[in-house]
Structures are given as structure tokens and as C-alpha cells.
Amino acid sequence: MIYGRLIDGKAIVPIIFRLPKQPDFSLDFVIDTGFNSIQPVDNLAKNGIAYILETGFL
């Protein structure tokens, strides 16, 4: 399962990097979902997709 956020219609997923002898760090990436339009919330729910609306700055 991939967990992320939906911000301004973009799927944002944090990726954790684990390097030898370094502390873990995370960077956010935009995932291309292939959707060209906004899906109505009820369509998302019918397909079992969680919808979280987040606004503001990263």
C-alpha cells in the first residue's frame, strides 16, 4: 500500500531514503496517476480510494 496526500489535485508521496551511516530522510514526490481530470469524491469512495483534502504550503 502506498500512502500519500492529495494537494491541489496532485498525488504527493513521501519516499524515505536510508543511506549507510546517515540518518534517514524523506523527500516528497509527485506521482503521475494518469488521470487528466478531477474525479468526484463519490467515484473515489466507490472504488475504495481514500480521499484526503489538504490545502496550504508544503
Foldseek 3Di string as FASTA:
>chain_A
DFDAAQEPNWTKGWDWDDDPPDDIDIDIDTDCPVDPDDDDPVVCVVVVHDHDYDYDDD
